[in-house]
């Protein structure tokens, strides 16, 4: 996502999609926010016109590139945007399915994700449980 108006950055490459399909692979596009700009994501999620705009754009790109699915990966959101993120997923999922697309959403244990509610409108929940640690991790130097 490029901005709070719901405009997208298109990084699709039709030759790749054609190649993948020729090999029998499905192609799922990543629909993500700007992981570093929680405020922009909040403005987007709380604006129904912006959500509608993004949904129209992703549907157009999915048809143009003959995609098989969409993976929704919004991260670093405010906990207060939990319900509007869930609403966005509820709005986009049936429209993606009408186009024959598989829908998945990425979640983890942060409170901004209502995992139960998000599991209802999508085909797959992608649980992000990476093997990550930082210098402040308890098991560092063990």
N, C-alpha and C. Protein backbone atom coordinates (compact mmCIF):
# COMPACT_ATOMS: atom_id res chain seq x y z
N UNK A 1 0.84 -1.16 0.00
CA UNK A 1 0.00 0.00 0.00
C UNK A 1 0.90 1.23 0.00
N UNK A 2 0.56 2.15 -0.86
CA UNK A 2 1.38 3.34 -1.05
C UNK A 2 1.06 4.47 -0.08
N UNK A 3 -0.22 4.64 0.23
CA UNK A 3 -0.61 5.76 1.09
C UNK A 3 -1.95 5.48 1.75
N UNK A 4 -2.38 6.45 2.58
CA UNK A 4 -3.62 6.29 3.33
C UNK A 4 -4.86 6.38 2.47
N UNK A 5 -4.72 6.75 1.20
CA UNK A 5 -5.85 6.80 0.28
C UNK A 5 -6.19 5.43 -0.31
N UNK A 6 -5.37 4.42 0.01
CA UNK A 6 -5.61 3.08 -0.50
C UNK A 6 -5.03 2.85 -1.88
N UNK A 7 -4.10 3.68 -2.28
CA UNK A 7 -3.43 3.47 -3.57
C UNK A 7 -2.34 2.42 -3.40
N UNK A 8 -2.16 1.62 -4.43
CA UNK A 8 -1.20 0.52 -4.36
C UNK A 8 0.07 0.81 -5.13
N UNK A 9 1.12 0.18 -4.69
CA UNK A 9 2.37 0.13 -5.44
C UNK A 9 2.33 -1.20 -6.18
N UNK A 10 2.39 -1.16 -7.48
CA UNK A 10 2.31 -2.38 -8.28
C UNK A 10 3.72 -2.90 -8.56
N UNK A 11 4.02 -4.05 -8.00
CA UNK A 11 5.32 -4.68 -8.25
C UNK A 11 5.15 -6.00 -9.00
N UNK A 12 3.98 -6.17 -9.59
CA UNK A 12 3.69 -7.41 -10.32
C UNK A 12 4.50 -7.46 -11.61
N UNK A 13 4.78 -8.68 -12.04
CA UNK A 13 5.57 -8.92 -13.25
C UNK A 13 4.88 -10.03 -14.03
N UNK A 14 4.20 -9.68 -15.11
CA UNK A 14 3.37 -10.64 -15.82
C UNK A 14 4.16 -11.82 -16.37
N UNK A 15 5.40 -11.61 -16.78
CA UNK A 15 6.20 -12.73 -17.29
C UNK A 15 6.46 -13.77 -16.21
N UNK A 16 6.64 -13.32 -14.98
CA UNK A 16 6.81 -14.27 -13.89
C UNK A 16 5.53 -15.07 -13.67
N UNK A 17 4.39 -14.39 -13.66
CA UNK A 17 3.12 -15.08 -13.46
C UNK A 17 2.91 -16.11 -14.57
N UNK A 18 3.17 -15.73 -15.81
CA UNK A 18 3.03 -16.68 -16.93
C UNK A 18 3.97 -17.87 -16.76
N UNK A 19 5.21 -17.61 -16.37
CA UNK A 19 6.19 -18.69 -16.16
C UNK A 19 5.71 -19.62 -15.05
N UNK A 20 5.30 -19.04 -13.91
CA UNK A 20 4.85 -19.86 -12.78
C UNK A 20 3.65 -20.71 -13.16
N UNK A 21 2.69 -20.12 -13.84
CA UNK A 21 1.52 -20.88 -14.27
C UNK A 21 1.91 -22.00 -15.24
N UNK A 22 2.88 -21.74 -16.12
CA UNK A 22 3.32 -22.77 -17.07
C UNK A 22 3.97 -23.95 -16.37
N UNK A 23 4.47 -23.73 -15.16
CA UNK A 23 5.09 -24.79 -14.36
C UNK A 23 4.10 -25.42 -13.37
N UNK A 24 2.84 -24.95 -13.42
CA UNK A 24 1.83 -25.51 -12.53
C UNK A 24 1.75 -24.85 -11.17
N UNK A 25 2.44 -23.75 -10.98
CA UNK A 25 2.42 -23.05 -9.70
C UNK A 25 1.29 -22.04 -9.64
N UNK A 26 0.76 -21.84 -8.45
CA UNK A 26 -0.17 -20.75 -8.22
C UNK A 26 0.63 -19.50 -7.85
N UNK A 27 0.05 -18.36 -8.14
CA UNK A 27 0.69 -17.09 -7.78
C UNK A 27 -0.26 -16.31 -6.89
N UNK A 28 0.18 -16.08 -5.69
CA UNK A 28 -0.57 -15.28 -4.73
C UNK A 28 0.19 -13.97 -4.54
N UNK A 29 -0.49 -12.87 -4.71
CA UNK A 29 0.14 -11.57 -4.50
C UNK A 29 0.12 -11.21 -3.02
N UNK A 30 1.10 -10.45 -2.63
CA UNK A 30 1.17 -9.93 -1.27
C UNK A 30 0.53 -8.56 -1.24
N UNK A 31 -0.45 -8.39 -0.39
CA UNK A 31 -1.07 -7.09 -0.15
C UNK A 31 -0.64 -6.66 1.24
N UNK A 32 0.22 -5.66 1.30
CA UNK A 32 0.76 -5.25 2.59
C UNK A 32 0.67 -3.75 2.79
N UNK A 33 0.72 -3.37 4.03
CA UNK A 33 0.81 -1.96 4.38
C UNK A 33 2.29 -1.58 4.41
N UNK A 34 2.57 -0.34 4.75
CA UNK A 34 3.94 0.10 4.99
C UNK A 34 4.24 -0.27 6.44
N UNK A 35 5.04 -1.29 6.65
CA UNK A 35 5.27 -1.81 8.00
C UNK A 35 5.83 -0.75 8.95
N UNK A 36 6.37 0.34 8.44
CA UNK A 36 7.01 1.34 9.28
C UNK A 36 6.11 2.54 9.58
N UNK A 37 4.90 2.59 9.02
CA UNK A 37 4.05 3.76 9.17
C UNK A 37 2.68 3.36 9.72
N UNK A 38 2.63 3.18 11.03
CA UNK A 38 1.38 2.79 11.69
C UNK A 38 0.30 3.84 11.54
N UNK A 39 0.69 5.10 11.54
CA UNK A 39 -0.30 6.19 11.42
C UNK A 39 -0.98 6.16 10.06
N UNK A 40 -0.19 5.95 9.00
CA UNK A 40 -0.77 5.87 7.66
C UNK A 40 -1.75 4.69 7.58
N UNK A 41 -1.36 3.55 8.12
CA UNK A 41 -2.22 2.38 8.12
C UNK A 41 -3.51 2.67 8.88
N UNK A 42 -3.42 3.35 10.00
CA UNK A 42 -4.60 3.68 10.78
C UNK A 42 -5.53 4.61 10.00
N UNK A 43 -4.98 5.61 9.36
CA UNK A 43 -5.81 6.52 8.56
C UNK A 43 -6.51 5.76 7.43
N UNK A 44 -5.79 4.85 6.80
CA UNK A 44 -6.38 4.03 5.73
C UNK A 44 -7.53 3.18 6.27
N UNK A 45 -7.26 2.43 7.33
CA UNK A 45 -8.25 1.50 7.85
C UNK A 45 -9.51 2.21 8.34
N UNK A 46 -9.38 3.42 8.82
CA UNK A 46 -10.51 4.15 9.36
C UNK A 46 -11.23 5.02 8.32
N UNK A 47 -10.92 4.79 7.06
CA UNK A 47 -11.54 5.56 5.98
C UNK A 47 -12.18 4.58 4.99
N UNK A 48 -13.50 4.52 4.98
CA UNK A 48 -14.18 3.56 4.11
C UNK A 48 -13.93 3.82 2.64
N UNK A 49 -13.79 5.10 2.24
CA UNK A 49 -13.49 5.40 0.83
C UNK A 49 -12.12 4.86 0.44
N UNK A 50 -11.15 5.00 1.33
CA UNK A 50 -9.81 4.49 1.05
C UNK A 50 -9.82 2.97 0.95
N UNK A 51 -10.55 2.31 1.85
CA UNK A 51 -10.64 0.85 1.78
C UNK A 51 -11.30 0.42 0.47
N UNK A 52 -12.36 1.11 0.08
CA UNK A 52 -13.02 0.79 -1.20
C UNK A 52 -12.07 0.98 -2.37
N UNK A 53 -11.28 2.04 -2.33
CA UNK A 53 -10.32 2.31 -3.40
C UNK A 53 -9.29 1.18 -3.51
N UNK A 54 -8.74 0.77 -2.39
CA UNK A 54 -7.75 -0.31 -2.42
C UNK A 54 -8.37 -1.60 -2.92
N UNK A 55 -9.57 -1.90 -2.48
CA UNK A 55 -10.24 -3.12 -2.92
C UNK A 55 -10.43 -3.11 -4.44
N UNK A 56 -10.86 -1.99 -4.99
CA UNK A 56 -11.02 -1.89 -6.44
C UNK A 56 -9.69 -2.08 -7.16
N UNK A 57 -8.63 -1.48 -6.63
CA UNK A 57 -7.32 -1.62 -7.27
C UNK A 57 -6.81 -3.05 -7.22
N UNK A 58 -6.95 -3.71 -6.08
CA UNK A 58 -6.42 -5.08 -5.98
C UNK A 58 -7.23 -6.03 -6.85
N UNK A 59 -8.54 -5.80 -6.97
CA UNK A 59 -9.35 -6.63 -7.85
C UNK A 59 -8.93 -6.44 -9.31
N UNK A 60 -8.65 -5.21 -9.70
CA UNK A 60 -8.22 -4.94 -11.08
C UNK A 60 -6.86 -5.59 -11.36
N UNK A 61 -5.92 -5.44 -10.44
CA UNK A 61 -4.60 -6.04 -10.65
C UNK A 61 -4.68 -7.57 -10.64
N UNK A 62 -5.50 -8.13 -9.79
CA UNK A 62 -5.63 -9.59 -9.73
C UNK A 62 -6.15 -10.13 -11.05
N UNK A 63 -7.11 -9.42 -11.66
CA UNK A 63 -7.63 -9.85 -12.96
C UNK A 63 -6.60 -9.64 -14.05
N UNK A 64 -5.93 -8.50 -14.03
CA UNK A 64 -4.93 -8.17 -15.05
C UNK A 64 -3.81 -9.20 -15.08
N UNK A 65 -3.32 -9.60 -13.92
CA UNK A 65 -2.18 -10.51 -13.84
C UNK A 65 -2.59 -11.97 -13.69
N UNK A 66 -3.88 -12.24 -13.69
CA UNK A 66 -4.39 -13.62 -13.59
C UNK A 66 -3.86 -14.31 -12.32
N UNK A 67 -4.00 -13.62 -11.21
CA UNK A 67 -3.51 -14.15 -9.94
C UNK A 67 -4.42 -15.25 -9.41
N UNK A 68 -3.87 -16.07 -8.54
CA UNK A 68 -4.61 -17.18 -7.95
C UNK A 68 -5.05 -16.89 -6.52
N UNK A 69 -4.38 -15.96 -5.88
CA UNK A 69 -4.69 -15.66 -4.49
C UNK A 69 -4.09 -14.36 -4.05
N UNK A 70 -4.53 -13.92 -2.88
CA UNK A 70 -4.02 -12.71 -2.25
C UNK A 70 -3.69 -13.04 -0.80
N UNK A 71 -2.49 -12.69 -0.38
CA UNK A 71 -2.08 -12.83 1.01
C UNK A 71 -2.04 -11.43 1.62
N UNK A 72 -2.88 -11.19 2.62
CA UNK A 72 -2.96 -9.89 3.28
C UNK A 72 -2.02 -9.89 4.48
N UNK A 73 -1.05 -9.00 4.45
CA UNK A 73 -0.03 -8.93 5.49
C UNK A 73 0.11 -7.49 5.96
N UNK A 74 -0.69 -7.12 6.94
CA UNK A 74 -0.59 -5.79 7.55
C UNK A 74 0.08 -5.99 8.91
N UNK A 75 1.14 -5.24 9.13
CA UNK A 75 1.90 -5.38 10.37
C UNK A 75 2.12 -4.03 11.03
N UNK A 76 2.53 -4.08 12.30
CA UNK A 76 2.82 -2.88 13.09
C UNK A 76 1.63 -1.93 13.11
N UNK A 77 0.46 -2.49 13.33
CA UNK A 77 -0.76 -1.69 13.43
C UNK A 77 -1.01 -1.34 14.89
N UNK A 78 -1.78 -0.29 15.09
CA UNK A 78 -2.21 0.06 16.44
C UNK A 78 -3.22 -0.98 16.93
N UNK A 79 -3.13 -1.33 18.20
CA UNK A 79 -4.11 -2.26 18.77
C UNK A 79 -5.53 -1.69 18.63
N UNK A 80 -5.66 -0.38 18.68
CA UNK A 80 -6.97 0.25 18.56
C UNK A 80 -7.59 0.07 17.17
N UNK A 81 -6.80 -0.37 16.19
CA UNK A 81 -7.31 -0.60 14.84
C UNK A 81 -7.70 -2.06 14.59
N UNK A 82 -7.71 -2.84 15.64
CA UNK A 82 -8.02 -4.26 15.53
C UNK A 82 -9.36 -4.50 14.83
N UNK A 83 -10.41 -3.83 15.25
CA UNK A 83 -11.74 -4.08 14.68
C UNK A 83 -11.86 -3.57 13.24
N UNK A 84 -11.23 -2.42 12.94
CA UNK A 84 -11.34 -1.92 11.56
C UNK A 84 -10.49 -2.75 10.60
N UNK A 85 -9.39 -3.33 11.09
CA UNK A 85 -8.63 -4.26 10.24
C UNK A 85 -9.47 -5.49 9.94
N UNK A 86 -10.12 -6.02 10.95
CA UNK A 86 -11.00 -7.18 10.76
C UNK A 86 -12.12 -6.82 9.78
N UNK A 87 -12.68 -5.63 9.90
CA UNK A 87 -13.73 -5.20 8.98
C UNK A 87 -13.21 -5.11 7.55
N UNK A 88 -12.02 -4.58 7.38
CA UNK A 88 -11.41 -4.52 6.04
C UNK A 88 -11.29 -5.92 5.44
N UNK A 89 -10.83 -6.87 6.22
CA UNK A 89 -10.69 -8.24 5.72
C UNK A 89 -12.06 -8.82 5.40
N UNK A 90 -13.06 -8.50 6.19
CA UNK A 90 -14.43 -8.95 5.90
C UNK A 90 -14.95 -8.34 4.60
N UNK A 91 -14.59 -7.11 4.33
CA UNK A 91 -15.05 -6.43 3.11
C UNK A 91 -14.37 -6.98 1.85
N UNK A 92 -13.07 -7.22 1.92
CA UNK A 92 -12.32 -7.60 0.73
C UNK A 92 -12.47 -9.09 0.39
N UNK A 93 -12.57 -9.93 1.39
CA UNK A 93 -12.54 -11.38 1.15
C UNK A 93 -13.63 -11.89 0.20
N UNK A 94 -14.90 -11.55 0.38
CA UNK A 94 -15.90 -12.09 -0.54
C UNK A 94 -15.72 -11.58 -1.97
N UNK A 95 -15.22 -10.38 -2.13
CA UNK A 95 -14.99 -9.84 -3.47
C UNK A 95 -13.83 -10.55 -4.16
N UNK A 96 -12.80 -10.87 -3.39
CA UNK A 96 -11.69 -11.64 -3.95
C UNK A 96 -12.15 -13.04 -4.34
N UNK A 97 -12.95 -13.65 -3.49
CA UNK A 97 -13.46 -15.00 -3.78
C UNK A 97 -14.34 -15.02 -5.02
N UNK A 98 -15.14 -13.94 -5.22
CA UNK A 98 -15.96 -13.86 -6.43
C UNK A 98 -15.11 -13.93 -7.69
N UNK A 99 -13.87 -13.48 -7.59
CA UNK A 99 -12.93 -13.53 -8.71
C UNK A 99 -12.16 -14.84 -8.74
N UNK A 100 -12.51 -15.77 -7.86
CA UNK A 100 -11.86 -17.07 -7.83
C UNK A 100 -10.53 -17.08 -7.11
N UNK A 101 -10.27 -16.07 -6.30
CA UNK A 101 -8.99 -15.97 -5.60
C UNK A 101 -9.05 -16.62 -4.23
N UNK A 102 -7.96 -17.23 -3.84
CA UNK A 102 -7.79 -17.74 -2.49
C UNK A 102 -7.35 -16.55 -1.64
N UNK A 103 -7.84 -16.49 -0.39
CA UNK A 103 -7.53 -15.37 0.49
C UNK A 103 -6.87 -15.88 1.77
N UNK A 104 -5.73 -15.29 2.10
CA UNK A 104 -5.08 -15.60 3.37
C UNK A 104 -4.73 -14.30 4.07
N UNK A 105 -4.61 -14.39 5.39
CA UNK A 105 -4.23 -13.22 6.19
C UNK A 105 -3.15 -13.66 7.19
N UNK A 106 -2.15 -12.81 7.33
CA UNK A 106 -1.05 -13.09 8.26
C UNK A 106 -1.38 -12.53 9.64
N UNK A 107 -1.13 -13.32 10.68
CA UNK A 107 -1.37 -12.90 12.05
C UNK A 107 -0.23 -13.39 12.93
N UNK A 108 -0.17 -12.83 14.14
CA UNK A 108 0.69 -13.36 15.19
C UNK A 108 -0.03 -13.10 16.51
N UNK A 109 0.68 -13.09 17.61
CA UNK A 109 0.02 -12.94 18.91
C UNK A 109 -0.11 -11.50 19.38
N UNK A 110 0.18 -10.53 18.53
CA UNK A 110 -0.01 -9.14 18.91
C UNK A 110 -1.51 -8.84 18.94
N UNK A 111 -1.93 -7.99 19.84
CA UNK A 111 -3.35 -7.74 20.08
C UNK A 111 -4.07 -7.06 18.94
N UNK A 112 -3.35 -6.56 17.94
CA UNK A 112 -4.03 -5.89 16.82
C UNK A 112 -4.73 -6.90 15.90
N UNK A 113 -4.52 -8.19 16.13
CA UNK A 113 -5.16 -9.22 15.31
C UNK A 113 -6.21 -9.96 16.12
N UNK A 114 -7.44 -9.97 15.63
CA UNK A 114 -8.50 -10.78 16.22
C UNK A 114 -8.52 -12.08 15.42
N UNK A 115 -7.69 -13.02 15.84
CA UNK A 115 -7.46 -14.24 15.05
C UNK A 115 -8.76 -15.01 14.79
N UNK A 116 -9.61 -15.12 15.79
CA UNK A 116 -10.87 -15.85 15.58
C UNK A 116 -11.72 -15.16 14.53
N UNK A 117 -11.93 -13.85 14.67
CA UNK A 117 -12.77 -13.12 13.71
C UNK A 117 -12.13 -13.11 12.32
N UNK A 118 -10.82 -13.00 12.24
CA UNK A 118 -10.15 -12.98 10.94
C UNK A 118 -10.22 -14.33 10.24
N UNK A 119 -10.32 -15.40 11.02
CA UNK A 119 -10.35 -16.74 10.41
C UNK A 119 -11.66 -17.01 9.67
N UNK A 120 -12.69 -16.28 9.97
CA UNK A 120 -14.00 -16.55 9.38
C UNK A 120 -14.11 -16.16 7.90
N UNK A 121 -13.63 -14.97 7.47
CA UNK A 121 -13.83 -14.60 6.06
C UNK A 121 -12.74 -15.09 5.11
N UNK A 122 -11.68 -15.69 5.62
CA UNK A 122 -10.55 -16.06 4.76
C UNK A 122 -10.44 -17.57 4.61
N UNK A 123 -9.64 -17.98 3.64
CA UNK A 123 -9.39 -19.41 3.43
C UNK A 123 -8.28 -19.94 4.33
N UNK A 124 -7.29 -19.09 4.58
CA UNK A 124 -6.13 -19.51 5.38
C UNK A 124 -5.70 -18.40 6.32
N UNK A 125 -5.30 -18.81 7.51
CA UNK A 125 -4.61 -17.93 8.45
C UNK A 125 -3.14 -18.32 8.38
N UNK A 126 -2.29 -17.36 8.13
CA UNK A 126 -0.85 -17.60 8.07
C UNK A 126 -0.27 -17.08 9.39
N UNK A 127 0.12 -17.99 10.26
CA UNK A 127 0.62 -17.59 11.57
C UNK A 127 2.11 -17.27 11.47
N UNK A 128 2.46 -16.04 11.77
CA UNK A 128 3.86 -15.60 11.70
C UNK A 128 4.55 -15.93 13.02
N UNK A 129 5.27 -17.02 13.03
CA UNK A 129 5.98 -17.43 14.24
C UNK A 129 7.44 -17.69 13.89
N UNK A 130 8.08 -16.63 13.49
CA UNK A 130 9.45 -16.74 13.02
C UNK A 130 10.42 -17.01 14.16
N UNK A 131 11.52 -17.59 13.81
CA UNK A 131 12.59 -17.81 14.77
C UNK A 131 13.42 -16.53 14.83
N UNK A 132 12.89 -15.55 15.54
CA UNK A 132 13.57 -14.26 15.62
C UNK A 132 14.00 -13.99 17.05
N UNK A 133 15.10 -13.32 17.15
CA UNK A 133 15.53 -12.85 18.47
C UNK A 133 16.36 -11.58 18.29
N UNK A 134 16.45 -10.85 19.37
CA UNK A 134 17.19 -9.60 19.35
C UNK A 134 18.20 -9.61 20.48
N UNK A 135 18.98 -8.59 20.57
CA UNK A 135 19.99 -8.51 21.63
C UNK A 135 19.36 -8.52 23.01
N UNK A 136 18.09 -8.19 23.13
CA UNK A 136 17.40 -8.18 24.42
C UNK A 136 16.69 -9.50 24.72
N UNK A 137 16.77 -10.46 23.82
CA UNK A 137 16.11 -11.74 24.03
C UNK A 137 16.71 -12.44 25.24
N UNK A 138 15.87 -13.15 26.00
CA UNK A 138 16.32 -13.83 27.21
C UNK A 138 17.34 -14.91 26.94
N UNK A 139 17.25 -15.59 25.83
CA UNK A 139 18.14 -16.73 25.59
C UNK A 139 19.40 -16.33 24.83
N UNK A 140 19.63 -15.05 24.63
CA UNK A 140 20.85 -14.59 23.97
C UNK A 140 22.07 -15.09 24.75
N UNK A 141 23.07 -15.53 24.06
CA UNK A 141 24.33 -16.00 24.64
C UNK A 141 24.20 -17.31 25.38
N UNK A 142 23.18 -18.10 25.11
CA UNK A 142 23.08 -19.40 25.78
C UNK A 142 23.65 -20.46 24.89
